[in-house]
Amino acid sequence: MAHAKTSYVCLPCRASYKQPYPGRHEHDRLCPRCAEPLIHVGSAFAAPKRRDTAAWRTLSVLLHAGVRFHKSCCGGPGYRPRTLSEVRERMAYARATGEPFAQALVRRELP
């Protein structure tokens, strides 16, 4: 039986790779194109098309805020914004309320 795999991305190359889960003593994984470190994004990740620059920019904001795409027990990773306007709305909400940025990004609806 094959081992489970998870997703890694390279933001500069706009590339996604499925690889085995990291082991305890494993070093950082490097992009085969540019040799930059890959970011572990989780097994519930679906990469945008390489030419969709707005989606990759949105993904970059999410990843730099610490948001990942790991499966939860029953419902997948939960809500993630898909457009820059959704990200901007949640950033404004976080600034206005003092809620942590990463928490505001994964909030399904804003009050």
C-alpha atoms as a PDB file:
ATOM      1  CA  MET A   1       0.000   0.000   0.000  1.00  0.00           C
ATOM      2  CA  ALA A   2       1.336   3.442  -0.915  1.00  0.00           C
ATOM      3  CA  HIS A   3       2.185   5.998   1.741  1.00  0.00           C
ATOM      4  CA  ALA A   4      -0.031   9.030   2.138  1.00  0.00           C
ATOM      5  CA  LYS A   5       1.146  12.242   0.525  1.00  0.00           C
ATOM      6  CA  THR A   6       0.740  15.922   1.287  1.00  0.00           C
ATOM      7  CA  SER A   7       1.208  19.112  -0.717  1.00  0.00           C
ATOM      8  CA  TYR A   8       4.136  21.504  -0.850  1.00  0.00           C
ATOM      9  CA  VAL A   9       4.294  24.746  -2.847  1.00  0.00           C
ATOM     10  CA  CYS A  10       6.955  27.026  -4.241  1.00  0.00           C
ATOM     11  CA  LEU A  11       5.560  30.560  -4.398  1.00  0.00           C
ATOM     12  CA  PRO A  12       8.218  32.045  -6.738  1.00  0.00           C
ATOM     13  CA  CYS A  13       7.656  29.246  -9.304  1.00  0.00           C
ATOM     14  CA  ARG A  14       3.893  28.988  -8.658  1.00  0.00           C
ATOM     15  CA  ALA A  15       4.266  25.216  -8.471  1.00  0.00           C
ATOM     16  CA  SER A  16       2.721  22.554  -6.251  1.00  0.00           C
ATOM     17  CA  TYR A  17       4.179  19.129  -5.471  1.00  0.00           C
ATOM     18  CA  LYS A  18       2.691  16.074  -3.745  1.00  0.00           C
ATOM     19  CA  GLN A  19       5.295  14.381  -1.571  1.00  0.00           C
ATOM     20  CA  PRO A  20       5.315  11.947   1.366  1.00  0.00           C
ATOM     21  CA  TYR A  21       4.694  13.426   4.805  1.00  0.00           C
ATOM     22  CA  PRO A  22       7.872  14.768   6.424  1.00  0.00           C
ATOM     23  CA  GLY A  23       9.707  12.450   8.786  1.00  0.00           C
ATOM     24  CA  ARG A  24      11.220  13.396  12.130  1.00  0.00           C
ATOM     25  CA  HIS A  25      14.764  13.865  10.912  1.00  0.00           C
ATOM     26  CA  GLU A  26      13.965  15.188   7.469  1.00  0.00           C
ATOM     27  CA  HIS A  27      15.471  18.424   6.194  1.00  0.00           C
ATOM     28  CA  ASP A  28      13.624  21.192   4.379  1.00  0.00           C
ATOM     29  CA  ARG A  29      12.428  20.213   0.940  1.00  0.00           C
ATOM     30  CA  LEU A  30      13.669  22.256  -1.996  1.00  0.00           C
ATOM     31  CA  CYS A  31      11.927  23.223  -5.213  1.00  0.00           C
ATOM     32  CA  PRO A  32      13.277  21.201  -8.142  1.00  0.00           C
ATOM     33  CA  ARG A  33      13.021  24.291 -10.389  1.00  0.00           C
ATOM     34  CA  CYS A  34      14.618  27.092  -8.335  1.00  0.00           C
ATOM     35  CA  ALA A  35      16.091  25.302  -5.263  1.00  0.00           C
ATOM     36  CA  GLU A  36      14.152  27.568  -2.856  1.00  0.00           C
ATOM     37  CA  PRO A  37      12.554  25.921   0.216  1.00  0.00           C
ATOM     38  CA  LEU A  38       9.086  24.480  -0.345  1.00  0.00           C
ATOM     39  CA  ILE A  39       6.226  25.401   2.000  1.00  0.00           C
ATOM     40  CA  HIS A  40       4.239  22.516   3.504  1.00  0.00           C
ATOM     41  CA  VAL A  41       0.587  23.483   2.885  1.00  0.00           C
ATOM     42  CA  GLY A  42      -1.288  20.311   3.857  1.00  0.00           C
ATOM     43  CA  SER A  43      -3.103  17.419   2.273  1.00  0.00           C
ATOM     44  CA  ALA A  44      -6.366  19.281   1.543  1.00  0.00           C
ATOM     45  CA  PHE A  45      -4.691  21.813  -0.770  1.00  0.00           C
ATOM     46  CA  ALA A  46      -5.769  22.383  -4.374  1.00  0.00           C
ATOM     47  CA  ALA A  47      -3.310  24.515  -6.329  1.00  0.00           C
ATOM     48  CA  PRO A  48      -4.522  27.347  -8.546  1.00  0.00           C
ATOM     49  CA  LYS A  49      -3.480  27.419 -12.183  1.00  0.00           C
ATOM     50  CA  ARG A  50       0.013  28.805 -12.694  1.00  0.00           C
ATOM     51  CA  ARG A  51      -1.237  31.742 -14.800  1.00  0.00           C
ATOM     52  CA  ASP A  52      -3.807  32.827 -12.149  1.00  0.00           C
ATOM     53  CA  THR A  53      -1.649  35.507 -10.503  1.00  0.00           C
ATOM     54  CA  ALA A  54      -4.453  36.832  -8.263  1.00  0.00           C
ATOM     55  CA  ALA A  55      -5.061  33.371  -6.779  1.00  0.00           C
ATOM     56  CA  TRP A  56      -1.335  32.889  -6.128  1.00  0.00           C
ATOM     57  CA  ARG A  57      -1.164  36.325  -4.484  1.00  0.00           C
ATOM     58  CA  THR A  58      -4.100  35.370  -2.246  1.00  0.00           C
ATOM     59  CA  LEU A  59      -2.386  32.068  -1.436  1.00  0.00           C
ATOM     60  CA  SER A  60       0.825  33.918  -0.589  1.00  0.00           C
ATOM     61  CA  VAL A  61      -1.014  36.131   1.920  1.00  0.00           C
ATOM     62  CA  LEU A  62      -2.609  33.068   3.537  1.00  0.00           C
ATOM     63  CA  LEU A  63       0.661  31.148   3.798  1.00  0.00           C
ATOM     64  CA  HIS A  64       2.606  34.117   5.183  1.00  0.00           C
ATOM     65  CA  ALA A  65      -0.124  34.548   7.829  1.00  0.00           C
ATOM     66  CA  GLY A  66       0.373  30.923   8.879  1.00  0.00           C
ATOM     67  CA  VAL A  67      -2.836  29.524   7.375  1.00  0.00           C
ATOM     68  CA  ARG A  68      -2.495  25.973   6.019  1.00  0.00           C
ATOM     69  CA  PHE A  69      -4.788  23.432   4.352  1.00  0.00           C
ATOM     70  CA  HIS A  70      -4.748  20.452   6.690  1.00  0.00           C
ATOM     71  CA  LYS A  71      -7.815  18.228   6.907  1.00  0.00           C
ATOM     72  CA  SER A  72      -9.846  18.468  10.061  1.00  0.00           C
ATOM     73  CA  CYS A  73     -11.715  15.484  11.422  1.00  0.00           C
ATOM     74  CA  CYS A  74     -14.792  15.647   9.186  1.00  0.00           C
ATOM     75  CA  GLY A  75     -15.042  18.708   6.998  1.00  0.00           C
ATOM     76  CA  GLY A  76     -11.727  19.335   5.290  1.00  0.00           C
ATOM     77  CA  PRO A  77      -9.644  22.420   6.007  1.00  0.00           C
ATOM     78  CA  GLY A  78     -12.579  24.785   6.494  1.00  0.00           C
ATOM     79  CA  TYR A  79     -13.118  28.156   4.867  1.00  0.00           C
ATOM     80  CA  ARG A  80     -10.244  29.893   3.060  1.00  0.00           C
ATOM     81  CA  PRO A  81     -10.617  33.173   1.114  1.00  0.00           C
ATOM     82  CA  ARG A  82     -10.272  32.735  -2.625  1.00  0.00           C
ATOM     83  CA  THR A  83     -10.003  36.332  -3.831  1.00  0.00           C
ATOM     84  CA  LEU A  84      -7.976  39.367  -2.890  1.00  0.00           C
ATOM     85  CA  SER A  85     -11.161  41.286  -2.064  1.00  0.00           C
ATOM     86  CA  GLU A  86     -12.100  38.637   0.528  1.00  0.00           C
ATOM     87  CA  VAL A  87      -8.594  38.919   1.994  1.00  0.00           C
ATOM     88  CA  ARG A  88      -8.871  42.735   2.141  1.00  0.00           C
ATOM     89  CA  GLU A  89     -12.252  42.509   3.919  1.00  0.00           C
ATOM     90  CA  ARG A  90     -10.831  40.168   6.533  1.00  0.00           C
ATOM     91  CA  MET A  91      -7.700  42.297   6.977  1.00  0.00           C
ATOM     92  CA  ALA A  92      -9.864  45.368   7.632  1.00  0.00           C
ATOM     93  CA  TYR A  93     -11.985  43.393  10.089  1.00  0.00           C
ATOM     94  CA  ALA A  94      -8.871  42.163  11.925  1.00  0.00           C
ATOM     95  CA  ARG A  95      -7.493  45.705  12.194  1.00  0.00           C
ATOM     96  CA  ALA A  96     -10.826  47.084  13.431  1.00  0.00           C
ATOM     97  CA  THR A  97     -11.470  44.382  16.039  1.00  0.00           C
ATOM     98  CA  GLY A  98      -7.951  43.372  17.078  1.00  0.00           C
ATOM     99  CA  GLU A  99      -8.617  39.754  16.105  1.00  0.00           C
ATOM    100  CA  PRO A 100      -5.450  37.903  15.039  1.00  0.00           C
ATOM    101  CA  PHE A 101      -4.936  38.132  11.296  1.00  0.00           C
ATOM    102  CA  ALA A 102      -4.756  34.346  10.709  1.00  0.00           C
ATOM    103  CA  GLN A 103      -7.989  33.826  12.642  1.00  0.00           C
ATOM    104  CA  ALA A 104      -9.816  36.547  10.698  1.00  0.00           C
ATOM    105  CA  LEU A 105      -8.687  35.025   7.383  1.00  0.00           C
ATOM    106  CA  VAL A 106     -10.356  31.677   8.096  1.00  0.00           C
ATOM    107  CA  ARG A 107     -13.601  33.183   9.407  1.00  0.00           C
ATOM    108  CA  ARG A 108     -16.416  32.125   7.077  1.00  0.00           C
ATOM    109  CA  GLU A 109     -18.611  35.171   7.629  1.00  0.00           C
ATOM    110  CA  LEU A 110     -17.809  38.570   8.998  1.00  0.00           C
ATOM    111  CA  PRO A 111     -20.233  39.978  11.593  1.00  0.00           C
END
